[in-house]
Amino acid sequence: MLSRPSIIIAFGITLLFFAGCSTQSTLEKNWGSSFESVKVNQIANPEASENLEPVVGLDGQLAEQNMESYRQGCKGDQSTTYNLRLGDIEGIGAK
């Protein structure tokens, strides 16, 4: 048979356990707000979709040349090796 103080202690521990689980943490309250604020801050011009005027800038031929130059630069030799000299290799271990 359980004594009265042990029942009160068990009830108190159970009450504390459920009270701790019932609260909402700060993380849960602000879940996703950081992501949303970063996403909104990365938009340079939120009203850009309302502007229906054509874009003025590079003409088509110049833009095409720039893109072709960019693509050629990306196709460069992928087998490039780099040699790094980190000091006198022959001197290591030599007596």
N, C-alpha and C. Protein backbone atom coordinates (compact mmCIF):
# COMPACT_ATOMS: atom_id res chain seq x y z
N MET A 1 0.83 -1.16 0.00
CA MET A 1 0.00 0.00 0.00
C MET A 1 0.88 1.24 0.00
N LEU A 2 0.55 2.17 -0.84
CA LEU A 2 1.34 3.39 -0.94
C LEU A 2 0.97 4.38 0.16
N SER A 3 1.97 5.05 0.65
CA SER A 3 1.70 6.03 1.71
C SER A 3 1.20 7.34 1.09
N ARG A 4 0.59 8.13 1.90
CA ARG A 4 0.01 9.39 1.44
C ARG A 4 1.08 10.34 0.86
N PRO A 5 2.26 10.51 1.48
CA PRO A 5 3.27 11.42 0.92
C PRO A 5 3.77 10.95 -0.45
N SER A 6 3.91 9.64 -0.67
CA SER A 6 4.39 9.17 -1.96
C SER A 6 3.35 9.39 -3.05
N ILE A 7 2.07 9.31 -2.72
CA ILE A 7 1.01 9.59 -3.69
C ILE A 7 1.02 11.08 -4.05
N ILE A 8 1.21 11.94 -3.07
CA ILE A 8 1.25 13.39 -3.32
C ILE A 8 2.46 13.74 -4.18
N ILE A 9 3.61 13.14 -3.92
CA ILE A 9 4.82 13.39 -4.70
C ILE A 9 4.63 12.90 -6.14
N ALA A 10 4.05 11.72 -6.31
CA ALA A 10 3.81 11.18 -7.66
C ALA A 10 2.83 12.06 -8.42
N PHE A 11 1.79 12.54 -7.74
CA PHE A 11 0.82 13.43 -8.37
C PHE A 11 1.48 14.76 -8.77
N GLY A 12 2.35 15.28 -7.90
CA GLY A 12 3.05 16.54 -8.19
C GLY A 12 3.99 16.40 -9.39
N ILE A 13 4.70 15.29 -9.45
CA ILE A 13 5.61 15.06 -10.59
C ILE A 13 4.81 14.93 -11.88
N THR A 14 3.70 14.21 -11.82
CA THR A 14 2.85 14.06 -13.01
C THR A 14 2.29 15.41 -13.44
N LEU A 15 1.87 16.22 -12.50
CA LEU A 15 1.34 17.55 -12.80
C LEU A 15 2.41 18.44 -13.43
N LEU A 16 3.63 18.42 -12.91
CA LEU A 16 4.73 19.19 -13.49
C LEU A 16 5.07 18.70 -14.90
N PHE A 17 5.03 17.39 -15.10
CA PHE A 17 5.33 16.83 -16.41
C PHE A 17 4.33 17.34 -17.46
N PHE A 18 3.05 17.26 -17.15
CA PHE A 18 2.04 17.70 -18.11
C PHE A 18 2.03 19.21 -18.27
N ALA A 19 2.36 19.95 -17.23
CA ALA A 19 2.42 21.41 -17.34
C ALA A 19 3.58 21.82 -18.25
N GLY A 20 4.70 21.11 -18.17
CA GLY A 20 5.84 21.41 -19.02
C GLY A 20 5.58 21.10 -20.48
N CYS A 21 4.80 20.09 -20.74
CA CYS A 21 4.50 19.69 -22.12
C CYS A 21 3.40 20.55 -22.74
N SER A 22 2.64 21.25 -21.94
CA SER A 22 1.51 21.99 -22.48
C SER A 22 1.87 23.38 -22.98
N THR A 23 3.03 23.89 -22.59
CA THR A 23 3.39 25.24 -23.02
C THR A 23 3.97 25.20 -24.42
N GLN A 24 3.83 26.32 -25.12
CA GLN A 24 4.35 26.45 -26.47
C GLN A 24 5.69 27.18 -26.39
N SER A 25 6.71 26.61 -27.00
CA SER A 25 8.03 27.23 -26.94
C SER A 25 8.11 28.42 -27.88
N THR A 26 9.14 29.24 -27.69
CA THR A 26 9.36 30.39 -28.54
C THR A 26 9.61 29.96 -29.97
N LEU A 27 10.27 28.85 -30.16
CA LEU A 27 10.54 28.34 -31.50
C LEU A 27 9.24 28.02 -32.22
N GLU A 28 8.31 27.39 -31.52
CA GLU A 28 7.04 27.04 -32.15
C GLU A 28 6.21 28.27 -32.47
N LYS A 29 6.28 29.29 -31.64
CA LYS A 29 5.52 30.52 -31.89
C LYS A 29 6.02 31.24 -33.14
N ASN A 30 7.34 31.23 -33.36
CA ASN A 30 7.93 31.95 -34.48
C ASN A 30 8.32 31.03 -35.63
N TRP A 31 7.76 29.85 -35.69
CA TRP A 31 8.16 28.88 -36.71
C TRP A 31 7.87 29.43 -38.11
N GLY A 32 8.91 29.54 -38.93
CA GLY A 32 8.75 29.99 -40.31
C GLY A 32 8.85 31.49 -40.49
N SER A 33 8.80 32.27 -39.43
CA SER A 33 8.83 33.73 -39.60
C SER A 33 10.19 34.20 -40.09
N SER A 34 11.26 33.54 -39.68
CA SER A 34 12.59 33.90 -40.15
C SER A 34 12.71 33.63 -41.64
N PHE A 35 12.23 32.48 -42.08
CA PHE A 35 12.26 32.14 -43.50
C PHE A 35 11.47 33.15 -44.31
N GLU A 36 10.28 33.49 -43.85
CA GLU A 36 9.44 34.45 -44.57
C GLU A 36 10.08 35.83 -44.64
N SER A 37 10.70 36.29 -43.56
CA SER A 37 11.32 37.61 -43.58
C SER A 37 12.52 37.64 -44.51
N VAL A 38 13.30 36.57 -44.55
CA VAL A 38 14.44 36.51 -45.47
C VAL A 38 13.96 36.50 -46.91
N LYS A 39 12.90 35.75 -47.19
CA LYS A 39 12.36 35.68 -48.54
C LYS A 39 11.85 37.04 -48.99
N VAL A 40 11.16 37.74 -48.13
CA VAL A 40 10.64 39.07 -48.47
C VAL A 40 11.77 40.07 -48.67
N ASN A 41 12.82 39.98 -47.85
CA ASN A 41 13.94 40.92 -47.96
C ASN A 41 14.78 40.69 -49.20
N GLN A 42 14.71 39.51 -49.81
CA GLN A 42 15.50 39.23 -51.01
C GLN A 42 14.82 39.73 -52.27
N ILE A 43 13.58 40.14 -52.20
CA ILE A 43 12.88 40.65 -53.37
C ILE A 43 13.26 42.11 -53.54
N ALA A 44 13.95 42.42 -54.65
CA ALA A 44 14.45 43.78 -54.87
C ALA A 44 13.31 44.76 -55.13
N ASN A 45 12.34 44.36 -55.92
CA ASN A 45 11.24 45.26 -56.27
C ASN A 45 9.94 44.46 -56.23
N PRO A 46 9.20 44.54 -55.12
CA PRO A 46 7.97 43.77 -55.01
C PRO A 46 6.91 44.17 -56.03
N GLU A 47 6.96 45.40 -56.53
CA GLU A 47 5.96 45.87 -57.49
C GLU A 47 6.40 45.66 -58.93
N ALA A 48 7.39 44.84 -59.18
CA ALA A 48 7.92 44.65 -60.53
C ALA A 48 6.88 44.06 -61.48
N SER A 49 6.00 43.24 -60.99
CA SER A 49 5.01 42.62 -61.86
C SER A 49 3.98 43.62 -62.38
N GLU A 50 3.86 44.77 -61.74
CA GLU A 50 2.90 45.78 -62.17
C GLU A 50 3.43 46.61 -63.34
N ASN A 51 4.75 46.63 -63.56
CA ASN A 51 5.35 47.40 -64.63
C ASN A 51 5.33 46.56 -65.91
N LEU A 52 4.55 46.97 -66.91
CA LEU A 52 4.40 46.21 -68.13
C LEU A 52 5.21 46.79 -69.28
N GLU A 53 6.04 47.80 -69.02
CA GLU A 53 6.85 48.39 -70.08
C GLU A 53 7.98 47.43 -70.46
N PRO A 54 8.43 47.46 -71.74
CA PRO A 54 9.52 46.57 -72.14
C PRO A 54 10.83 46.94 -71.45
N VAL A 55 11.67 45.96 -71.29
CA VAL A 55 12.95 46.17 -70.64
C VAL A 55 13.90 46.86 -71.62
N VAL A 56 14.57 47.91 -71.16
CA VAL A 56 15.52 48.63 -71.99
C VAL A 56 16.92 48.28 -71.50
N GLY A 57 17.80 47.93 -72.41
CA GLY A 57 19.14 47.55 -72.01
C GLY A 57 19.92 47.07 -73.21
N LEU A 58 20.47 45.90 -73.12
CA LEU A 58 21.24 45.33 -74.21
C LEU A 58 20.32 44.95 -75.36
N ASP A 59 20.80 45.18 -76.59
CA ASP A 59 20.03 44.70 -77.72
C ASP A 59 20.21 43.19 -77.84
N GLY A 60 19.42 42.55 -78.64
CA GLY A 60 19.43 41.10 -78.74
C GLY A 60 20.75 40.51 -79.18
N GLN A 61 21.41 41.14 -80.19
CA GLN A 61 22.67 40.60 -80.69
C GLN A 61 23.77 40.69 -79.63
N LEU A 62 23.87 41.81 -78.94
CA LEU A 62 24.89 41.97 -77.91
C LEU A 62 24.66 41.01 -76.74
N ALA A 63 23.40 40.84 -76.36
CA ALA A 63 23.08 39.91 -75.29
C ALA A 63 23.43 38.48 -75.70
N GLU A 64 23.17 38.14 -76.96
CA GLU A 64 23.50 36.81 -77.44
C GLU A 64 25.02 36.58 -77.42
N GLN A 65 25.80 37.59 -77.83
CA GLN A 65 27.26 37.48 -77.79
C GLN A 65 27.76 37.29 -76.36
N ASN A 66 27.17 38.03 -75.43
CA ASN A 66 27.58 37.89 -74.02
C ASN A 66 27.28 36.49 -73.50
N MET A 67 26.11 35.97 -73.83
CA MET A 67 25.75 34.63 -73.36
C MET A 67 26.64 33.56 -73.99
N GLU A 68 26.96 33.73 -75.28
CA GLU A 68 27.84 32.77 -75.95
C GLU A 68 29.24 32.81 -75.34
N SER A 69 29.73 34.00 -75.04
CA SER A 69 31.03 34.14 -74.38
C SER A 69 31.02 33.48 -73.01
N TYR A 70 29.94 33.64 -72.27
CA TYR A 70 29.80 33.02 -70.95
C TYR A 70 29.81 31.50 -71.07
N ARG A 71 29.05 30.98 -72.03
CA ARG A 71 28.99 29.52 -72.22
C ARG A 71 30.35 28.95 -72.61
N GLN A 72 31.08 29.65 -73.47
CA GLN A 72 32.40 29.18 -73.88
C GLN A 72 33.36 29.17 -72.68
N GLY A 73 33.25 30.16 -71.82
CA GLY A 73 34.08 30.20 -70.62
C GLY A 73 33.80 29.05 -69.68
N CYS A 74 32.55 28.61 -69.63
CA CYS A 74 32.18 27.50 -68.75
C CYS A 74 32.64 26.16 -69.30
N LYS A 75 32.87 26.08 -70.61
CA LYS A 75 33.28 24.82 -71.22
C LYS A 75 34.78 24.59 -71.12
N GLY A 76 35.50 25.43 -70.42
CA GLY A 76 36.95 25.35 -70.35
C GLY A 76 37.47 23.97 -70.02
N ASP A 77 38.76 23.80 -70.14
CA ASP A 77 39.42 22.51 -69.89
C ASP A 77 39.17 22.09 -68.45
N GLN A 78 38.45 21.00 -68.27
CA GLN A 78 38.10 20.53 -66.93
C GLN A 78 39.22 19.71 -66.30
N SER A 79 40.26 19.37 -67.09
CA SER A 79 41.33 18.53 -66.56
C SER A 79 42.52 19.36 -66.08
N THR A 80 42.30 20.60 -65.72
CA THR A 80 43.37 21.45 -65.25
C THR A 80 43.88 20.95 -63.90
N THR A 81 45.19 20.83 -63.80
CA THR A 81 45.78 20.42 -62.53
C THR A 81 46.61 21.58 -62.00
N TYR A 82 46.70 21.64 -60.71
CA TYR A 82 47.45 22.70 -60.05
C TYR A 82 48.56 22.06 -59.23
N ASN A 83 49.76 22.59 -59.36
CA ASN A 83 50.89 22.10 -58.59
C ASN A 83 51.23 23.13 -57.52
N LEU A 84 51.21 22.72 -56.29
CA LEU A 84 51.53 23.60 -55.18
C LEU A 84 52.85 23.14 -54.57
N ARG A 85 53.76 24.05 -54.42
CA ARG A 85 55.03 23.73 -53.79
C ARG A 85 54.97 24.22 -52.35
N LEU A 86 55.08 23.31 -51.43
CA LEU A 86 54.92 23.63 -50.01
C LEU A 86 56.26 23.59 -49.27
N GLY A 87 57.30 24.00 -49.92
CA GLY A 87 58.60 24.02 -49.26
C GLY A 87 59.56 23.04 -49.91
N ASP A 88 60.64 22.81 -49.26
CA ASP A 88 61.68 21.94 -49.78
C ASP A 88 61.33 20.49 -49.48
N ILE A 89 60.76 19.81 -50.46
CA ILE A 89 60.31 18.42 -50.27
C ILE A 89 61.52 17.49 -50.11
N GLU A 90 62.60 17.78 -50.82
CA GLU A 90 63.77 16.91 -50.75
C GLU A 90 64.41 16.94 -49.37
N GLY A 91 64.26 18.04 -48.66
CA GLY A 91 64.89 18.19 -47.35
C GLY A 91 64.17 17.43 -46.25
N ILE A 92 62.97 16.97 -46.51
CA ILE A 92 62.21 16.28 -45.48
C ILE A 92 62.78 14.87 -45.31
N GLY A 93 63.16 14.55 -44.13
CA GLY A 93 63.67 13.22 -43.82
C GLY A 93 65.13 13.01 -44.21
N ALA A 94 65.71 13.94 -44.93
CA ALA A 94 67.13 13.77 -45.34
C ALA A 94 68.05 14.21 -44.22
N LYS A 95 69.13 13.48 -44.03
CA LYS A 95 70.07 13.83 -42.98
C LYS A 95 71.44 14.02 -43.54
